[in-house]
Amino acid sequence: MTTHLKSLQAIEIAIRTGSLKAAASQLGITPAAVGQRIRALEDYLGTDLLVRGRSGLHPTPELAVALADLHAAFEALEQVTAALDFQRVSEIHIVADPDWSELWLAPRLPAFREDHPNILFCVNGAGDVPMRLGAPDIRVEYGGPEKGEPLYSDYLVPVCSPDNLRRIADYDTEHEMEGMPLLHLEEHRSADDRPGFRDWFEAFGTRRTGADRGPYYRRAAMALEAVREDVGFLVCGISLIESDLDAGSLVLPYPVEKGLAAPHPFRIWQREQSRQRPQFRRFIEWLKEEATATETKIAARRNGKPVA
C-alpha cells in the first residue's frame, strides 16, 4: 500500500508540475526514480497513466477520470498532515538538492544533532524517521526566487588532485589545459544556469578544443571521488569542497579569481505550519548561521584572506 501511495504521489506531482524533473525536485529523488514509481503502478494496473506532449506530461484517458479525486486526496492528506503535526514536533523532514544535502548539510549535521539529540531528521527520504507523504518542513533548492528565500550563493572553480596539478605545470602557459582530462556533471549539459567547463573556458581560455569531452556524472560526490583519484579536473562550487580544500585532498589549479559566480543561490523554503515549533526554529537559525559562515569563507578565499 505504501508503495502505491508513493507512486500515486509521484503521478500527482508530475501532472501538476508538468515534468518528471520538477516532480523529482519536489520529492528529493532523481527523475529516474520518479519514472520507476510511476511505471511500477502502471505495471500493477496493466495500463499507461501518463503521456508526454509538447506542453509537458498529460494523463491518459484511464487516469483522467480519476484525476480530480487524486488531487483532492492529496490535498486532504496535506490537511491531515498539518492537523497531526503536533504528534511529530521533534521531526524535521527535508527535501533538498542531493549534492547540497550530501556535501554541505551531511558533514555539518552531526554537530547540530550532538547539541539536539532529541530532534529526528529525514533528509531526502532517509534518516531517523520514514519520509512522510505530505509537504516537507524544509525544501532547499538551487534556483530563482520562486524557490524560496536565499540561503547562500556559491562560487564555481576548477579543482583537481595535487598530482594532476603537477601535470599542467610544464604546459604551454596559454593553453595549459589542452588535452587535460575533464570531468563534468550531468547538470552542466542539461541546465543553462549550472556553469561547467564550457562556460569556464569561454571566460578564461586555457583550452581551444574539447570543452565537453570527458565523462559525465549524475552526482557531484561521485565526480569528486574521481577527482581525488587523479582521474581529471572538475568545475565545482567551493561550498561543496571546503573540507577537501582545507585538507589538501583537492587543490585549485588556478587563482581563485578565475572562477564563476553561481547564477542563482541555494534557496530555502519553509512549511508554514512548521515555523510554530521551537525545535524547527532552532534548526533554521543554525542552518542560516552555517550558511552565513560558508559565504564568509567563500568571500575570504576570493579576497585572498586566510580561511578561518
Protein backbone atom coordinates (compact mmCIF):
# COMPACT_ATOMS: atom_id res chain seq x y z
CA MET A 1 0.00 0.00 0.00
CA THR A 2 2.83 2.41 0.89
CA THR A 3 4.48 1.72 -2.48
CA HIS A 4 1.23 2.55 -4.32
CA LEU A 5 0.83 5.76 -2.32
CA LYS A 6 4.32 6.86 -3.28
CA SER A 7 3.55 6.04 -6.91
CA LEU A 8 0.30 8.00 -6.79
CA GLN A 9 2.15 10.90 -5.16
CA ALA A 10 4.72 10.87 -7.98
CA ILE A 11 1.95 10.85 -10.59
CA GLU A 12 0.01 13.66 -8.92
CA ILE A 13 3.06 15.91 -8.66
CA ALA A 14 4.26 15.06 -12.20
CA ILE A 15 0.86 16.03 -13.64
CA ARG A 16 0.65 19.18 -11.54
CA THR A 17 4.19 20.36 -12.39
CA GLY A 18 4.26 19.04 -15.96
CA SER A 19 7.52 17.08 -15.82
CA LEU A 20 9.36 14.24 -14.09
CA LYS A 21 12.27 16.60 -13.36
CA ALA A 22 10.05 19.05 -11.48
CA ALA A 23 8.41 16.20 -9.59
CA ALA A 24 11.83 14.81 -8.68
CA SER A 25 12.86 18.20 -7.33
CA GLN A 26 9.83 18.31 -5.03
CA LEU A 27 10.31 14.74 -3.86
CA GLY A 28 14.08 14.95 -3.40
CA ILE A 29 14.76 11.98 -5.67
CA THR A 30 16.02 11.58 -9.23
CA PRO A 31 13.76 11.85 -12.31
CA ALA A 32 14.59 8.21 -12.99
CA ALA A 33 13.27 7.24 -9.56
CA VAL A 34 10.05 9.18 -10.22
CA GLY A 35 9.69 7.30 -13.51
CA GLN A 36 10.24 3.99 -11.72
CA ARG A 37 7.49 4.74 -9.20
CA ILE A 38 5.07 5.60 -11.99
CA ARG A 39 5.99 2.55 -14.07
CA ALA A 40 5.53 0.29 -11.03
CA LEU A 41 1.92 1.44 -10.70
CA GLU A 42 1.35 1.20 -14.46
CA ASP A 43 2.65 -2.37 -14.39
CA TYR A 44 0.42 -3.19 -11.43
CA LEU A 45 -2.67 -1.75 -13.15
CA GLY A 46 -1.73 -3.02 -16.60
CA THR A 47 -2.26 0.34 -18.31
CA ASP A 48 -0.41 3.54 -19.15
CA LEU A 49 -1.19 6.54 -16.96
CA LEU A 50 0.89 9.37 -18.44
CA VAL A 51 1.70 10.60 -21.95
CA ARG A 52 4.21 13.27 -22.91
CA GLY A 53 3.04 16.22 -25.02
CA ARG A 54 4.55 19.49 -26.20
CA SER A 55 3.38 21.26 -23.08
CA GLY A 56 4.53 18.55 -20.68
CA LEU A 57 3.02 15.44 -19.15
CA HIS A 58 -0.68 14.67 -19.51
CA PRO A 59 -2.94 11.97 -18.08
CA THR A 60 -4.15 9.16 -20.29
CA PRO A 61 -7.93 8.70 -20.53
CA GLU A 62 -7.67 5.96 -17.90
CA LEU A 63 -6.08 8.38 -15.41
CA ALA A 64 -8.11 11.44 -16.43
CA VAL A 65 -11.33 10.02 -14.99
CA ALA A 66 -9.68 9.74 -11.56
CA LEU A 67 -7.51 12.87 -11.68
CA ALA A 68 -9.87 15.15 -9.74
CA ASP A 69 -10.12 12.57 -6.97
CA LEU A 70 -6.33 12.15 -6.96
CA HIS A 71 -5.75 15.89 -6.50
CA ALA A 72 -8.43 16.05 -3.81
CA ALA A 73 -6.96 13.06 -1.99
CA PHE A 74 -3.50 14.61 -1.70
CA GLU A 75 -4.97 17.97 -0.67
CA ALA A 76 -6.83 16.13 2.09
CA LEU A 77 -3.66 14.26 3.03
CA GLU A 78 -1.87 17.60 3.34
CA GLN A 79 -4.58 18.83 5.71
CA VAL A 80 -4.35 15.64 7.78
CA THR A 81 -0.57 16.02 7.95
CA ALA A 82 -0.98 19.57 9.23
CA ALA A 83 -3.61 18.54 11.76
CA LEU A 84 -1.46 15.74 13.18
CA ASP A 85 1.78 17.70 13.05
CA PHE A 86 1.78 18.18 16.80
CA GLN A 87 2.41 14.45 17.17
CA ARG A 88 5.76 14.82 15.41
CA VAL A 89 7.09 18.03 16.88
CA SER A 90 10.63 16.66 17.08
CA GLU A 91 10.79 15.51 13.45
CA ILE A 92 12.24 17.67 10.68
CA HIS A 93 11.65 16.49 7.13
CA ILE A 94 13.95 17.95 4.48
CA VAL A 95 13.82 17.64 0.72
CA ALA A 96 16.92 19.17 -0.83
CA ASP A 97 19.24 19.37 -3.79
CA PRO A 98 21.06 16.00 -3.50
CA ASP A 99 24.57 17.42 -3.95
CA TRP A 100 23.91 20.14 -1.37
CA SER A 101 22.46 17.70 1.15
CA GLU A 102 25.27 15.17 0.70
CA LEU A 103 28.26 17.51 0.52
CA TRP A 104 27.19 20.57 2.52
CA LEU A 105 24.50 19.54 5.01
CA ALA A 106 25.58 15.99 5.89
CA PRO A 107 29.08 16.92 7.18
CA ARG A 108 27.60 19.67 9.39
CA LEU A 109 24.50 17.92 10.72
CA PRO A 110 26.26 15.74 13.35
CA ALA A 111 27.33 18.87 15.27
CA PHE A 112 23.73 20.06 15.46
CA ARG A 113 22.47 16.60 16.41
CA GLU A 114 25.01 16.40 19.23
CA ASP A 115 23.51 19.54 20.77
CA HIS A 116 19.93 18.48 20.00
CA PRO A 117 19.82 14.65 20.27
CA ASN A 118 16.01 14.54 20.51
CA ILE A 119 15.41 16.13 17.11
CA LEU A 120 14.90 13.49 14.42
CA PHE A 121 15.64 14.01 10.74
CA CYS A 122 14.54 12.65 7.41
CA VAL A 123 16.61 14.03 4.53
CA ASN A 124 15.52 13.09 1.01
CA GLY A 125 13.68 10.05 2.33
CA ALA A 126 16.44 8.69 4.57
CA GLY A 127 17.25 9.17 8.23
CA ASP A 128 15.80 8.64 11.68
CA VAL A 129 12.16 8.51 10.58
CA PRO A 130 10.37 7.43 7.38
CA MET A 131 9.57 10.02 4.74
CA ARG A 132 6.04 11.37 5.04
CA LEU A 133 3.79 11.81 2.03
CA GLY A 134 2.83 15.41 2.79
CA ALA A 135 4.94 18.51 2.18
CA PRO A 136 8.39 18.55 3.84
CA ASP A 137 9.20 21.01 6.59
CA ILE A 138 12.08 22.41 4.56
CA ARG A 139 12.95 22.43 0.91
CA VAL A 140 16.42 23.56 -0.24
CA GLU A 141 16.96 24.04 -3.96
CA TYR A 142 19.25 25.87 -6.32
CA GLY A 143 17.44 28.41 -8.45
CA GLY A 144 15.40 31.55 -8.88
CA PRO A 145 13.16 33.44 -6.46
CA GLU A 146 10.19 31.14 -6.97
CA LYS A 147 12.07 28.50 -4.94
CA GLY A 148 12.16 30.45 -1.65
CA GLU A 149 14.43 32.86 0.21
CA PRO A 150 18.21 32.92 -0.46
CA LEU A 151 20.35 30.75 1.81
CA TYR A 152 23.79 31.40 0.29
CA SER A 153 25.44 31.86 -3.10
CA ASP A 154 28.23 29.59 -4.32
CA TYR A 155 31.34 30.29 -6.37
CA LEU A 156 32.47 27.78 -9.01
CA VAL A 157 36.12 26.92 -9.68
CA PRO A 158 38.10 24.15 -11.38
CA VAL A 159 39.51 21.64 -8.91
CA CYS A 160 41.91 18.74 -9.20
CA SER A 161 44.10 16.42 -7.15
CA PRO A 162 47.63 17.51 -6.13
CA ASP A 163 49.09 15.04 -8.66
CA ASN A 164 47.06 16.46 -11.54
CA LEU A 165 48.15 19.95 -10.55
CA ARG A 166 51.71 18.88 -11.31
CA ARG A 167 50.64 17.61 -14.75
CA ILE A 168 49.87 21.10 -16.03
CA ALA A 169 52.95 22.75 -14.52
CA ASP A 170 55.11 22.34 -17.65
CA TYR A 171 52.42 23.01 -20.27
CA ASP A 172 52.12 25.98 -22.58
CA THR A 173 51.04 28.85 -20.36
CA GLU A 174 48.38 29.96 -22.86
CA HIS A 175 46.67 26.59 -23.38
CA GLU A 176 47.88 24.54 -20.42
CA MET A 177 44.54 22.71 -20.14
CA GLU A 178 44.65 21.48 -23.74
CA GLY A 179 44.37 17.68 -23.64
CA MET A 180 43.86 17.51 -19.88
CA PRO A 181 41.14 15.03 -18.75
CA LEU A 182 37.90 16.82 -17.91
CA LEU A 183 35.04 15.61 -15.73
CA HIS A 184 31.51 17.01 -15.86
CA LEU A 185 28.18 16.85 -14.05
CA GLU A 186 25.01 15.95 -15.95
CA GLU A 187 23.58 19.32 -14.95
CA HIS A 188 26.37 21.06 -16.90
CA ARG A 189 24.76 20.00 -20.17
CA SER A 190 21.11 19.85 -19.10
CA ALA A 191 20.73 23.21 -17.33
CA ASP A 192 21.82 26.59 -18.68
CA ASP A 193 22.14 28.04 -15.17
CA ARG A 194 24.62 25.39 -13.98
CA PRO A 195 28.04 26.51 -15.31
CA GLY A 196 30.67 23.93 -16.23
CA PHE A 197 33.90 23.77 -18.19
CA ARG A 198 32.33 25.15 -21.37
CA ASP A 199 31.49 28.37 -19.52
CA TRP A 200 34.82 28.46 -17.70
CA PHE A 201 36.89 28.10 -20.89
CA GLU A 202 34.80 30.81 -22.57
CA ALA A 203 35.65 33.13 -19.69
CA PHE A 204 39.31 32.28 -19.13
CA GLY A 205 40.66 30.39 -22.14
CA THR A 206 43.47 27.86 -21.44
CA ARG A 207 41.95 25.35 -23.89
CA ARG A 208 40.96 25.59 -27.55
CA THR A 209 39.07 22.33 -28.14
CA GLY A 210 37.10 19.60 -26.37
CA ALA A 211 35.42 21.63 -23.64
CA ASP A 212 32.67 18.98 -23.43
CA ARG A 213 34.90 15.91 -23.63
CA GLY A 214 35.12 13.51 -20.74
CA PRO A 215 32.75 11.50 -18.55
CA TYR A 216 29.57 12.96 -17.05
CA TYR A 217 28.46 12.17 -13.50
CA ARG A 218 24.98 12.30 -12.04
CA ARG A 219 26.16 13.38 -8.59
CA ALA A 220 28.98 15.69 -7.51
CA ALA A 221 30.13 13.25 -4.81
CA MET A 222 30.89 10.61 -7.47
CA ALA A 223 32.72 13.12 -9.66
CA LEU A 224 34.76 14.44 -6.73
CA GLU A 225 35.80 10.92 -5.76
CA ALA A 226 37.15 10.51 -9.30
CA VAL A 227 38.98 13.83 -8.98
CA ARG A 228 40.64 12.65 -5.75
CA GLU A 229 41.75 9.51 -7.61
CA ASP A 230 43.58 11.67 -10.21
CA VAL A 231 41.04 10.95 -12.97
CA GLY A 232 40.66 14.57 -14.07
CA PHE A 233 39.56 18.15 -13.44
CA LEU A 234 36.07 19.30 -12.41
CA VAL A 235 34.27 22.64 -12.10
CA CYS A 236 32.58 22.64 -8.68
CA GLY A 237 31.14 25.02 -6.09
CA ILE A 238 33.54 25.93 -3.30
CA SER A 239 30.83 25.36 -0.67
CA LEU A 240 30.77 21.64 -1.55
CA ILE A 241 34.52 21.09 -1.20
CA GLU A 242 35.54 23.20 1.80
CA SER A 243 36.86 20.25 3.82
CA ASP A 244 38.78 18.86 0.81
CA LEU A 245 40.46 22.20 0.20
CA ASP A 246 41.33 22.56 3.88
CA ALA A 247 42.77 19.02 3.98
CA GLY A 248 44.65 19.40 0.69
CA SER A 249 42.99 16.38 -0.93
CA LEU A 250 41.73 18.78 -3.62
CA VAL A 251 43.51 21.90 -4.87
CA LEU A 252 42.74 24.84 -7.14
CA PRO A 253 44.87 24.74 -10.31
CA TYR A 254 44.22 28.46 -10.93
CA PRO A 255 43.97 31.56 -8.76
CA VAL A 256 40.58 31.75 -7.09
CA GLU A 257 39.68 34.92 -9.00
CA LYS A 258 39.43 32.69 -12.08
CA GLY A 259 36.04 31.45 -11.00
CA LEU A 260 32.38 31.93 -11.86
CA ALA A 261 29.73 33.24 -9.51
CA ALA A 262 26.77 30.86 -9.47
CA PRO A 263 23.87 32.46 -11.40
CA HIS A 264 21.47 31.58 -8.56
CA PRO A 265 21.79 30.94 -4.83
CA PHE A 266 20.70 27.90 -2.91
CA ARG A 267 17.27 28.84 -1.56
CA ILE A 268 15.26 27.64 1.39
CA TRP A 269 11.50 27.22 1.61
CA GLN A 270 9.83 26.60 4.96
CA ARG A 271 6.48 24.96 5.59
CA GLU A 272 4.26 27.46 7.36
CA GLN A 273 2.94 25.04 10.00
CA SER A 274 6.50 24.01 10.92
CA ARG A 275 7.51 27.54 11.85
CA GLN A 276 5.44 27.29 15.05
CA ARG A 277 7.67 24.58 16.52
CA PRO A 278 10.65 25.70 18.66
CA GLN A 279 12.74 22.72 17.52
CA PHE A 280 12.23 23.75 13.92
CA ARG A 281 13.10 27.39 14.63
CA ARG A 282 16.33 26.34 16.35
CA PHE A 283 17.33 24.29 13.34
CA ILE A 284 16.53 27.11 10.89
CA GLU A 285 18.58 29.53 12.99
CA TRP A 286 21.52 27.10 13.00
CA LEU A 287 21.16 26.45 9.26
CA LYS A 288 21.28 30.15 8.44
CA GLU A 289 24.30 30.66 10.72
CA GLU A 290 26.14 27.87 8.90
CA ALA A 291 25.16 29.37 5.53
CA THR A 292 26.49 32.78 6.60
CA ALA A 293 29.75 31.15 7.70
CA THR A 294 30.01 29.48 4.29
CA GLU A 295 29.54 32.78 2.47
CA THR A 296 32.18 34.35 4.72
CA LYS A 297 34.68 31.61 3.87
CA ILE A 298 33.95 31.90 0.14
CA ALA A 299 34.46 35.68 0.32
CA ALA A 300 37.73 35.18 2.22
CA ARG A 301 39.07 32.83 -0.45
CA ARG A 302 38.04 35.22 -3.23
CA ASN A 303 39.78 38.10 -1.45
CA GLY A 304 42.94 36.12 -0.75
CA LYS A 305 42.44 36.20 3.02
CA PRO A 306 43.04 33.32 5.47
CA VAL A 307 40.07 31.00 5.85
CA ALA A 308 39.07 30.53 9.48
